[in-house]
Amino acid sequence: MLNKVLALSPFQRILIALSLGVLVGVFLGELASPLRTVGDIYVGLLQMTVMPYIIFSVIGNIGRLTVEQSKKLAVNSFAVLFLLWGVGMVTVFVVAQTLPTVSAGSFFSTSLLEPPKEFDFIKIFIPSNPFQSLSENLVPGVVLFCILVGLALMHAPEKHATLAVFDTMNETLGRVSNYVARLSPIGVFAIAASAAGTLTLEEFGRLQAYFLVYGAAVLLLVLVVLPLLVVAITPFRYSDIISTQGNVLITALAIGSVFAVIPLLIESQKKLMTSLPDYNQQD
């Protein structure tokens, strides 16, 4: 039995763990709520390498580029970004149209008297203190800082030794992320069980339309639309994309955070790149 489980792909293991977690949560009910602690520990382990990985990855990869390569990368990146924004906005609009209208009674709450929280655009996007941005997980500011350092490193005459250090740190952090990824079935099982166990039948009845529409939209977007877009503009095959990225996507869906799986996503992307026949020749 153990050999059969080990023979499964990571994608299959996480799917099975997610399904078992939902079944256990429905069966145990509130008794499954302590499993949330296990899920929180797993998410924390995933998140601990994210910010360091972003720093070394962004600075190192931009620093090794030439000026011509950086310009081409910027154009392609903005094109992909606008394409994904378009797909996301269309998806949100379509999903919003399919959801039923909910009539709710008016009520008074003291929170209505509280002033809204201010959105400090400058603090989030301008890293006046990079260490503060790191401590507060202000990702836009950290990324902007890393981009500027990478652009400066690009023109440094003796940058090879520095790039070697960044490559070593990226490898090390990626290896740590892979260690944590081995716990994904346990973490996903615990998160799914605690979520299903704390959801009452009354709440499920009110939210069932949302679950059905949201689930269908996510499956269509993740398993059909986005992979086919990648297949259309790259040499990758659909089966290669799902086999390397599927486990990361299911993990992100289960924990409700893309940010926490960024290192896993990049490492799986590296595996996808190495599957190309001429990848080593291009290097």
C-alpha atoms as a PDB file:
ATOM      1  CA  MET A   1       0.000   0.000   0.000  1.00  0.00           C
ATOM      2  CA  LEU A   2       2.815   2.408   0.924  1.00  0.00           C
ATOM      3  CA  ASN A   3       4.590   1.676  -2.364  1.00  0.00           C
ATOM      4  CA  LYS A   4       1.427   2.538  -4.298  1.00  0.00           C
ATOM      5  CA  VAL A   5       1.119   5.864  -2.477  1.00  0.00           C
ATOM      6  CA  LEU A   6       4.780   6.713  -3.111  1.00  0.00           C
ATOM      7  CA  ALA A   7       4.328   5.852  -6.793  1.00  0.00           C
ATOM      8  CA  LEU A   8       1.680   8.575  -7.172  1.00  0.00           C
ATOM      9  CA  SER A   9       2.656  11.951  -8.591  1.00  0.00           C
ATOM     10  CA  PRO A  10       2.681  15.000  -6.261  1.00  0.00           C
ATOM     11  CA  PHE A  11      -0.408  16.297  -8.065  1.00  0.00           C
ATOM     12  CA  GLN A  12      -2.295  13.061  -7.387  1.00  0.00           C
ATOM     13  CA  ARG A  13      -1.228  12.964  -3.727  1.00  0.00           C
ATOM     14  CA  ILE A  14      -2.441  16.505  -3.084  1.00  0.00           C
ATOM     15  CA  LEU A  15      -5.752  15.850  -4.845  1.00  0.00           C
ATOM     16  CA  ILE A  16      -6.284  12.751  -2.706  1.00  0.00           C
ATOM     17  CA  ALA A  17      -5.298  14.659   0.453  1.00  0.00           C
ATOM     18  CA  LEU A  18      -7.732  17.461  -0.422  1.00  0.00           C
ATOM     19  CA  SER A  19     -10.591  15.013  -1.022  1.00  0.00           C
ATOM     20  CA  LEU A  20      -9.870  13.046   2.159  1.00  0.00           C
ATOM     21  CA  GLY A  21      -9.629  16.286   4.149  1.00  0.00           C
ATOM     22  CA  VAL A  22     -13.092  17.387   3.015  1.00  0.00           C
ATOM     23  CA  LEU A  23     -14.574  13.956   3.828  1.00  0.00           C
ATOM     24  CA  VAL A  24     -12.951  13.845   7.275  1.00  0.00           C
ATOM     25  CA  GLY A  25     -14.090  17.392   8.017  1.00  0.00           C
ATOM     26  CA  VAL A  26     -17.693  16.625   7.029  1.00  0.00           C
ATOM     27  CA  PHE A  27     -17.649  13.426   9.108  1.00  0.00           C
ATOM     28  CA  LEU A  28     -16.001  14.844  12.259  1.00  0.00           C
ATOM     29  CA  GLY A  29     -17.497  18.333  12.163  1.00  0.00           C
ATOM     30  CA  GLU A  30     -16.167  20.647  14.881  1.00  0.00           C
ATOM     31  CA  LEU A  31     -13.831  17.879  16.102  1.00  0.00           C
ATOM     32  CA  ALA A  32     -11.683  18.564  13.042  1.00  0.00           C
ATOM     33  CA  SER A  33     -11.130  22.242  13.976  1.00  0.00           C
ATOM     34  CA  PRO A  34      -7.822  21.548  15.894  1.00  0.00           C
ATOM     35  CA  LEU A  35      -6.322  20.475  12.562  1.00  0.00           C
ATOM     36  CA  ARG A  36      -6.255  24.168  11.673  1.00  0.00           C
ATOM     37  CA  THR A  37      -3.108  24.448  13.806  1.00  0.00           C
ATOM     38  CA  VAL A  38      -1.372  21.907  11.581  1.00  0.00           C
ATOM     39  CA  GLY A  39      -2.476  23.847   8.522  1.00  0.00           C
ATOM     40  CA  ASP A  40      -1.204  27.141   9.990  1.00  0.00           C
ATOM     41  CA  ILE A  41       2.185  25.546  10.704  1.00  0.00           C
ATOM     42  CA  TYR A  42       2.385  24.289   7.119  1.00  0.00           C
ATOM     43  CA  VAL A  43       1.481  27.716   5.657  1.00  0.00           C
ATOM     44  CA  GLY A  44       4.044  29.373   7.934  1.00  0.00           C
ATOM     45  CA  LEU A  45       6.756  26.999   6.730  1.00  0.00           C
ATOM     46  CA  LEU A  46       5.823  27.797   3.133  1.00  0.00           C
ATOM     47  CA  GLN A  47       5.937  31.539   3.719  1.00  0.00           C
ATOM     48  CA  MET A  48       9.277  31.634   5.536  1.00  0.00           C
ATOM     49  CA  THR A  49      11.316  31.353   2.325  1.00  0.00           C
ATOM     50  CA  VAL A  50       9.173  33.600   0.114  1.00  0.00           C
ATOM     51  CA  MET A  51      10.694  37.028   0.796  1.00  0.00           C
ATOM     52  CA  PRO A  52      14.347  35.864   0.788  1.00  0.00           C
ATOM     53  CA  TYR A  53      13.666  33.885  -2.397  1.00  0.00           C
ATOM     54  CA  ILE A  54      12.142  36.942  -4.101  1.00  0.00           C
ATOM     55  CA  ILE A  55      15.129  39.110  -3.115  1.00  0.00           C
ATOM     56  CA  PHE A  56      17.869  36.771  -4.358  1.00  0.00           C
ATOM     57  CA  SER A  57      15.895  35.667  -7.418  1.00  0.00           C
ATOM     58  CA  VAL A  58      14.926  39.129  -8.685  1.00  0.00           C
ATOM     59  CA  ILE A  59      18.317  40.778  -8.047  1.00  0.00           C
ATOM     60  CA  GLY A  60      20.335  37.833  -9.386  1.00  0.00           C
ATOM     61  CA  ASN A  61      18.288  37.243 -12.534  1.00  0.00           C
ATOM     62  CA  ILE A  62      18.063  40.921 -13.496  1.00  0.00           C
ATOM     63  CA  GLY A  63      21.737  41.484 -12.692  1.00  0.00           C
ATOM     64  CA  ARG A  64      22.906  38.864 -15.188  1.00  0.00           C
ATOM     65  CA  LEU A  65      20.994  40.411 -18.107  1.00  0.00           C
ATOM     66  CA  THR A  66      22.342  42.745 -20.753  1.00  0.00           C
ATOM     67  CA  VAL A  67      20.623  46.043 -21.552  1.00  0.00           C
ATOM     68  CA  GLU A  68      19.060  44.591 -24.723  1.00  0.00           C
ATOM     69  CA  GLN A  69      17.792  41.529 -22.856  1.00  0.00           C
ATOM     70  CA  SER A  70      16.319  43.674 -20.080  1.00  0.00           C
ATOM     71  CA  LYS A  71      14.396  45.805 -22.584  1.00  0.00           C
ATOM     72  CA  LYS A  72      13.001  42.723 -24.316  1.00  0.00           C
ATOM     73  CA  LEU A  73      12.097  41.174 -20.967  1.00  0.00           C
ATOM     74  CA  ALA A  74      10.294  44.355 -19.874  1.00  0.00           C
ATOM     75  CA  VAL A  75       8.209  44.480 -23.068  1.00  0.00           C
ATOM     76  CA  ASN A  76       7.269  40.791 -22.860  1.00  0.00           C
ATOM     77  CA  SER A  77       6.529  41.028 -19.126  1.00  0.00           C
ATOM     78  CA  PHE A  78       4.124  43.951 -19.561  1.00  0.00           C
ATOM     79  CA  ALA A  79       2.424  42.166 -22.470  1.00  0.00           C
ATOM     80  CA  VAL A  80       1.870  39.050 -20.356  1.00  0.00           C
ATOM     81  CA  LEU A  81       0.778  41.157 -17.378  1.00  0.00           C
ATOM     82  CA  PHE A  82      -1.874  43.016 -19.400  1.00  0.00           C
ATOM     83  CA  LEU A  83      -3.065  39.726 -20.911  1.00  0.00           C
ATOM     84  CA  LEU A  84      -3.501  38.172 -17.449  1.00  0.00           C
ATOM     85  CA  TRP A  85      -5.235  41.326 -16.189  1.00  0.00           C
ATOM     86  CA  GLY A  86      -7.659  41.070 -19.102  1.00  0.00           C
ATOM     87  CA  VAL A  87      -8.400  37.409 -18.414  1.00  0.00           C
ATOM     88  CA  GLY A  88      -8.857  38.161 -14.708  1.00  0.00           C
ATOM     89  CA  MET A  89     -11.241  41.093 -15.262  1.00  0.00           C
ATOM     90  CA  VAL A  90     -13.341  39.101 -17.742  1.00  0.00           C
ATOM     91  CA  THR A  91     -13.517  36.199 -15.294  1.00  0.00           C
ATOM     92  CA  VAL A  92     -14.567  38.434 -12.387  1.00  0.00           C
ATOM     93  CA  PHE A  93     -17.247  40.102 -14.535  1.00  0.00           C
ATOM     94  CA  VAL A  94     -18.683  36.791 -15.763  1.00  0.00           C
ATOM     95  CA  VAL A  95     -18.656  35.233 -12.285  1.00  0.00           C
ATOM     96  CA  ALA A  96     -20.369  38.312 -10.809  1.00  0.00           C
ATOM     97  CA  GLN A  97     -23.150  38.040 -13.397  1.00  0.00           C
ATOM     98  CA  THR A  98     -23.831  34.394 -12.582  1.00  0.00           C
ATOM     99  CA  LEU A  99     -24.121  34.829  -8.805  1.00  0.00           C
ATOM    100  CA  PRO A 100     -27.665  35.276  -7.435  1.00  0.00           C
ATOM    101  CA  THR A 101     -28.739  38.536  -5.838  1.00  0.00           C
ATOM    102  CA  VAL A 102     -28.899  38.299  -2.057  1.00  0.00           C
ATOM    103  CA  SER A 103     -31.386  40.502  -0.235  1.00  0.00           C
ATOM    104  CA  ALA A 104     -30.207  41.460   3.222  1.00  0.00           C
ATOM    105  CA  GLY A 105     -31.916  43.467   5.931  1.00  0.00           C
ATOM    106  CA  SER A 106     -30.580  46.828   7.004  1.00  0.00           C
ATOM    107  CA  PHE A 107     -28.817  46.978  10.340  1.00  0.00           C
ATOM    108  CA  PHE A 108     -26.760  49.349  12.414  1.00  0.00           C
ATOM    109  CA  SER A 109     -23.175  48.632  13.369  1.00  0.00           C
ATOM    110  CA  THR A 110     -20.669  50.781  15.238  1.00  0.00           C
ATOM    111  CA  SER A 111     -18.149  49.904  12.522  1.00  0.00           C
ATOM    112  CA  LEU A 112     -20.139  52.177  10.190  1.00  0.00           C
ATOM    113  CA  LEU A 113     -19.030  55.135  12.306  1.00  0.00           C
ATOM    114  CA  GLU A 114     -15.345  54.233  12.148  1.00  0.00           C
ATOM    115  CA  PRO A 115     -13.274  56.032   9.514  1.00  0.00           C
ATOM    116  CA  PRO A 116     -12.028  53.794   6.688  1.00  0.00           C
ATOM    117  CA  LYS A 117      -8.456  52.609   6.834  1.00  0.00           C
ATOM    118  CA  GLU A 118      -6.151  54.806   4.815  1.00  0.00           C
ATOM    119  CA  PHE A 119      -4.360  53.260   1.856  1.00  0.00           C
ATOM    120  CA  ASP A 120      -0.791  54.533   1.996  1.00  0.00           C
ATOM    121  CA  PHE A 121       0.227  54.134  -1.631  1.00  0.00           C
ATOM    122  CA  ILE A 122       3.684  55.618  -1.082  1.00  0.00           C
ATOM    123  CA  LYS A 123       4.505  53.346   1.862  1.00  0.00           C
ATOM    124  CA  ILE A 124       3.439  50.198  -0.018  1.00  0.00           C
ATOM    125  CA  PHE A 125       5.133  50.900  -3.345  1.00  0.00           C
ATOM    126  CA  ILE A 126       8.084  53.135  -2.391  1.00  0.00           C
ATOM    127  CA  PRO A 127      10.587  51.349  -0.095  1.00  0.00           C
ATOM    128  CA  SER A 128      11.935  54.336   1.850  1.00  0.00           C
ATOM    129  CA  ASN A 129      13.127  51.763   4.391  1.00  0.00           C
ATOM    130  CA  PRO A 130      13.629  48.378   2.684  1.00  0.00           C
ATOM    131  CA  PHE A 131      14.016  46.625   6.040  1.00  0.00           C
ATOM    132  CA  GLN A 132      10.643  47.949   7.187  1.00  0.00           C
ATOM    133  CA  SER A 133       9.087  46.800   3.909  1.00  0.00           C
ATOM    134  CA  LEU A 134      10.576  43.360   4.538  1.00  0.00           C
ATOM    135  CA  SER A 135       9.318  43.180   8.123  1.00  0.00           C
ATOM    136  CA  GLU A 136       5.810  44.230   7.088  1.00  0.00           C
ATOM    137  CA  ASN A 137       5.716  41.998   3.975  1.00  0.00           C
ATOM    138  CA  LEU A 138       5.158  44.952   1.660  1.00  0.00           C
ATOM    139  CA  VAL A 139       5.892  42.975  -1.497  1.00  0.00           C
ATOM    140  CA  PRO A 140       5.567  45.821  -4.084  1.00  0.00           C
ATOM    141  CA  GLY A 141       8.154  47.931  -2.242  1.00  0.00           C
ATOM    142  CA  VAL A 142      10.527  44.972  -1.818  1.00  0.00           C
ATOM    143  CA  VAL A 143      10.221  44.051  -5.502  1.00  0.00           C
ATOM    144  CA  LEU A 144      10.870  47.645  -6.603  1.00  0.00           C
ATOM    145  CA  PHE A 145      13.974  47.761  -4.408  1.00  0.00           C
ATOM    146  CA  CYS A 146      15.212  44.452  -5.864  1.00  0.00           C
ATOM    147  CA  ILE A 147      14.593  45.630  -9.442  1.00  0.00           C
ATOM    148  CA  LEU A 148      16.625  48.799  -8.894  1.00  0.00           C
ATOM    149  CA  VAL A 149      19.479  46.858  -7.255  1.00  0.00           C
ATOM    150  CA  GLY A 150      19.380  44.328 -10.104  1.00  0.00           C
ATOM    151  CA  LEU A 151      19.563  47.098 -12.720  1.00  0.00           C
ATOM    152  CA  ALA A 152      22.548  48.597 -10.916  1.00  0.00           C
ATOM    153  CA  LEU A 153      24.206  45.178 -10.658  1.00  0.00           C
ATOM    154  CA  MET A 154      23.673  44.714 -14.393  1.00  0.00           C
ATOM    155  CA  HIS A 155      26.266  47.426 -15.093  1.00  0.00           C
ATOM    156  CA  ALA A 156      28.759  46.333 -12.421  1.00  0.00           C
ATOM    157  CA  PRO A 157      32.096  45.343 -14.040  1.00  0.00           C
ATOM    158  CA  GLU A 158      32.918  42.554 -11.566  1.00  0.00           C
ATOM    159  CA  LYS A 159      29.538  40.986 -10.934  1.00  0.00           C
ATOM    160  CA  HIS A 160      30.256  37.295 -11.555  1.00  0.00           C
ATOM    161  CA  ALA A 161      31.279  36.516  -7.975  1.00  0.00           C
ATOM    162  CA  THR A 162      28.157  38.284  -6.637  1.00  0.00           C
ATOM    163  CA  LEU A 163      25.916  36.446  -9.091  1.00  0.00           C
ATOM    164  CA  ALA A 164      27.447  33.146  -7.987  1.00  0.00           C
ATOM    165  CA  VAL A 165      26.439  33.929  -4.397  1.00  0.00           C
ATOM    166  CA  PHE A 166      22.887  34.770  -5.497  1.00  0.00           C
ATOM    167  CA  ASP A 167      22.674  31.538  -7.515  1.00  0.00           C
ATOM    168  CA  THR A 168      23.832  29.518  -4.502  1.00  0.00           C
ATOM    169  CA  MET A 169      21.271  31.185  -2.232  1.00  0.00           C
ATOM    170  CA  ASN A 170      18.500  30.619  -4.785  1.00  0.00           C
ATOM    171  CA  GLU A 171      19.431  26.958  -4.997  1.00  0.00           C
ATOM    172  CA  THR A 172      19.502  26.641  -1.223  1.00  0.00           C
ATOM    173  CA  LEU A 173      16.164  28.373  -0.682  1.00  0.00           C
ATOM    174  CA  GLY A 174      14.618  26.342  -3.490  1.00  0.00           C
ATOM    175  CA  ARG A 175      15.824  23.178  -1.794  1.00  0.00           C
ATOM    176  CA  VAL A 176      14.243  24.308   1.494  1.00  0.00           C
ATOM    177  CA  SER A 177      10.959  24.947  -0.345  1.00  0.00           C
ATOM    178  CA  ASN A 178      11.115  21.459  -1.822  1.00  0.00           C
ATOM    179  CA  TYR A 179      11.589  20.020   1.675  1.00  0.00           C
ATOM    180  CA  VAL A 180       8.452  21.828   2.838  1.00  0.00           C
ATOM    181  CA  ALA A 181       6.603  20.772  -0.327  1.00  0.00           C
ATOM    182  CA  ARG A 182       6.912  17.156   0.775  1.00  0.00           C
ATOM    183  CA  LEU A 183       4.559  18.048   3.624  1.00  0.00           C
ATOM    184  CA  SER A 184       1.949  19.420   1.194  1.00  0.00           C
ATOM    185  CA  PRO A 185      -0.427  16.420   1.423  1.00  0.00           C
ATOM    186  CA  ILE A 186      -0.460  16.689   5.227  1.00  0.00           C
ATOM    187  CA  GLY A 187      -0.912  20.466   5.190  1.00  0.00           C
ATOM    188  CA  VAL A 188      -3.620  20.426   2.511  1.00  0.00           C
ATOM    189  CA  PHE A 189      -5.435  17.603   4.338  1.00  0.00           C
ATOM    190  CA  ALA A 190      -5.414  19.557   7.613  1.00  0.00           C
ATOM    191  CA  ILE A 191      -6.601  22.806   5.990  1.00  0.00           C
ATOM    192  CA  ALA A 192      -9.393  21.091   4.052  1.00  0.00           C
ATOM    193  CA  ALA A 193     -10.542  19.082   7.088  1.00  0.00           C
ATOM    194  CA  SER A 194     -10.670  22.097   9.424  1.00  0.00           C
ATOM    195  CA  ALA A 195     -12.463  24.242   6.817  1.00  0.00           C
ATOM    196  CA  ALA A 196     -15.046  21.567   6.025  1.00  0.00           C
ATOM    197  CA  GLY A 197     -15.525  20.729   9.709  1.00  0.00           C
ATOM    198  CA  THR A 198     -16.261  24.300  10.773  1.00  0.00           C
ATOM    199  CA  LEU A 199     -18.697  24.984   7.918  1.00  0.00           C
ATOM    200  CA  THR A 200     -22.281  24.374   9.060  1.00  0.00           C
ATOM    201  CA  LEU A 201     -25.024  23.059   6.782  1.00  0.00           C
ATOM    202  CA  GLU A 202     -26.849  26.376   7.112  1.00  0.00           C
ATOM    203  CA  GLU A 203     -23.794  28.302   5.950  1.00  0.00           C
ATOM    204  CA  PHE A 204     -23.226  25.853   3.115  1.00  0.00           C
ATOM    205  CA  GLY A 205     -26.835  26.262   2.026  1.00  0.00           C
ATOM    206  CA  ARG A 206     -26.425  30.044   1.814  1.00  0.00           C
ATOM    207  CA  LEU A 207     -23.093  29.793   0.010  1.00  0.00           C
ATOM    208  CA  GLN A 208     -23.667  26.773  -2.231  1.00  0.00           C
ATOM    209  CA  ALA A 209     -24.262  28.918  -5.328  1.00  0.00           C
ATOM    210  CA  TYR A 210     -21.017  30.770  -4.614  1.00  0.00           C
ATOM    211  CA  PHE A 211     -19.114  27.497  -4.131  1.00  0.00           C
ATOM    212  CA  LEU A 212     -20.449  26.023  -7.366  1.00  0.00           C
ATOM    213  CA  VAL A 213     -19.826  29.126  -9.488  1.00  0.00           C
ATOM    214  CA  TYR A 214     -16.449  29.887  -7.926  1.00  0.00           C
ATOM    215  CA  GLY A 215     -15.318  26.256  -8.181  1.00  0.00           C
ATOM    216  CA  ALA A 216     -16.378  25.999 -11.825  1.00  0.00           C
ATOM    217  CA  ALA A 217     -14.667  29.303 -12.670  1.00  0.00           C
ATOM    218  CA  VAL A 218     -11.420  28.289 -10.944  1.00  0.00           C
ATOM    219  CA  LEU A 219     -11.325  24.875 -12.617  1.00  0.00           C
ATOM    220  CA  LEU A 220     -12.075  26.381 -16.035  1.00  0.00           C
ATOM    221  CA  LEU A 221      -9.470  29.108 -15.600  1.00  0.00           C
ATOM    222  CA  VAL A 222      -6.711  26.971 -14.068  1.00  0.00           C
ATOM    223  CA  LEU A 223      -7.162  23.746 -16.000  1.00  0.00           C
ATOM    224  CA  VAL A 224      -8.341  25.038 -19.384  1.00  0.00           C
ATOM    225  CA  VAL A 225      -7.937  28.747 -20.179  1.00  0.00           C
ATOM    226  CA  LEU A 226      -4.501  29.563 -18.736  1.00  0.00           C
ATOM    227  CA  PRO A 227      -2.783  26.272 -19.745  1.00  0.00           C
ATOM    228  CA  LEU A 228      -4.121  26.588 -23.303  1.00  0.00           C
ATOM    229  CA  LEU A 229      -2.849  30.181 -23.471  1.00  0.00           C
ATOM    230  CA  VAL A 230       0.595  28.947 -22.462  1.00  0.00           C
ATOM    231  CA  VAL A 231       0.422  26.096 -24.988  1.00  0.00           C
ATOM    232  CA  ALA A 232      -0.554  28.559 -27.736  1.00  0.00           C
ATOM    233  CA  ILE A 233       2.455  30.866 -27.273  1.00  0.00           C
ATOM    234  CA  THR A 234       5.146  28.467 -25.982  1.00  0.00           C
ATOM    235  CA  PRO A 235       6.550  25.068 -27.023  1.00  0.00           C
ATOM    236  CA  PHE A 236       5.208  23.413 -23.849  1.00  0.00           C
ATOM    237  CA  ARG A 237       2.596  20.668 -23.970  1.00  0.00           C
ATOM    238  CA  TYR A 238      -0.575  20.687 -21.880  1.00  0.00           C
ATOM    239  CA  SER A 239       0.405  17.464 -20.115  1.00  0.00           C
ATOM    240  CA  ASP A 240       3.809  18.917 -19.166  1.00  0.00           C
ATOM    241  CA  ILE A 241       2.191  22.035 -17.690  1.00  0.00           C
ATOM    242  CA  ILE A 242      -0.314  20.131 -15.577  1.00  0.00           C
ATOM    243  CA  SER A 243       2.198  17.540 -14.383  1.00  0.00           C
ATOM    244  CA  THR A 244       4.707  20.155 -13.174  1.00  0.00           C
ATOM    245  CA  GLN A 245       2.406  22.981 -12.059  1.00  0.00           C
ATOM    246  CA  GLY A 246      -0.731  21.120 -10.968  1.00  0.00           C
ATOM    247  CA  ASN A 247       0.385  20.303  -7.427  1.00  0.00           C
ATOM    248  CA  VAL A 248       1.405  23.933  -6.804  1.00  0.00           C
ATOM    249  CA  LEU A 249      -1.920  25.248  -8.121  1.00  0.00           C
ATOM    250  CA  ILE A 250      -3.938  22.879  -5.927  1.00  0.00           C
ATOM    251  CA  THR A 251      -1.812  23.870  -2.915  1.00  0.00           C
ATOM    252  CA  ALA A 252      -2.399  27.580  -3.606  1.00  0.00           C
ATOM    253  CA  LEU A 253      -6.134  26.930  -3.923  1.00  0.00           C
ATOM    254  CA  ALA A 254      -6.259  24.984  -0.650  1.00  0.00           C
ATOM    255  CA  ILE A 255      -4.335  27.529   1.438  1.00  0.00           C
ATOM    256  CA  GLY A 256      -5.916  30.534  -0.309  1.00  0.00           C
ATOM    257  CA  SER A 257      -2.610  32.257  -1.092  1.00  0.00           C
ATOM    258  CA  VAL A 258      -0.505  32.466  -4.240  1.00  0.00           C
ATOM    259  CA  PHE A 259       2.165  34.448  -2.409  1.00  0.00           C
ATOM    260  CA  ALA A 260       3.075  31.497  -0.151  1.00  0.00           C
ATOM    261  CA  VAL A 261       3.778  29.161  -3.087  1.00  0.00           C
ATOM    262  CA  ILE A 262       5.957  31.519  -5.171  1.00  0.00           C
ATOM    263  CA  PRO A 263       9.176  29.529  -4.510  1.00  0.00           C
ATOM    264  CA  LEU A 264       7.405  26.253  -5.347  1.00  0.00           C
ATOM    265  CA  LEU A 265       5.965  27.819  -8.496  1.00  0.00           C
ATOM    266  CA  ILE A 266       9.384  29.011  -9.666  1.00  0.00           C
ATOM    267  CA  GLU A 267      11.015  25.652  -8.926  1.00  0.00           C
ATOM    268  CA  SER A 268       8.285  23.812 -10.845  1.00  0.00           C
ATOM    269  CA  GLN A 269       8.772  26.271 -13.705  1.00  0.00           C
ATOM    270  CA  LYS A 270      12.467  25.393 -13.783  1.00  0.00           C
ATOM    271  CA  LYS A 271      11.540  21.718 -14.127  1.00  0.00           C
ATOM    272  CA  LEU A 272       9.196  22.626 -16.961  1.00  0.00           C
ATOM    273  CA  MET A 273      11.957  24.565 -18.731  1.00  0.00           C
ATOM    274  CA  THR A 274      14.418  21.682 -18.444  1.00  0.00           C
ATOM    275  CA  SER A 275      11.900  19.427 -20.210  1.00  0.00           C
ATOM    276  CA  LEU A 276      12.582  21.286 -23.463  1.00  0.00           C
ATOM    277  CA  PRO A 277      14.933  19.273 -25.720  1.00  0.00           C
ATOM    278  CA  ASP A 278      17.116  22.277 -26.628  1.00  0.00           C
ATOM    279  CA  TYR A 279      17.126  23.910 -23.177  1.00  0.00           C
ATOM    280  CA  ASN A 280      20.694  22.868 -22.300  1.00  0.00           C
ATOM    281  CA  GLN A 281      21.921  23.852 -25.768  1.00  0.00           C
ATOM    282  CA  GLN A 282      20.440  27.354 -25.357  1.00  0.00           C
ATOM    283  CA  ASP A 283      22.268  27.743 -22.040  1.00  0.00           C
END
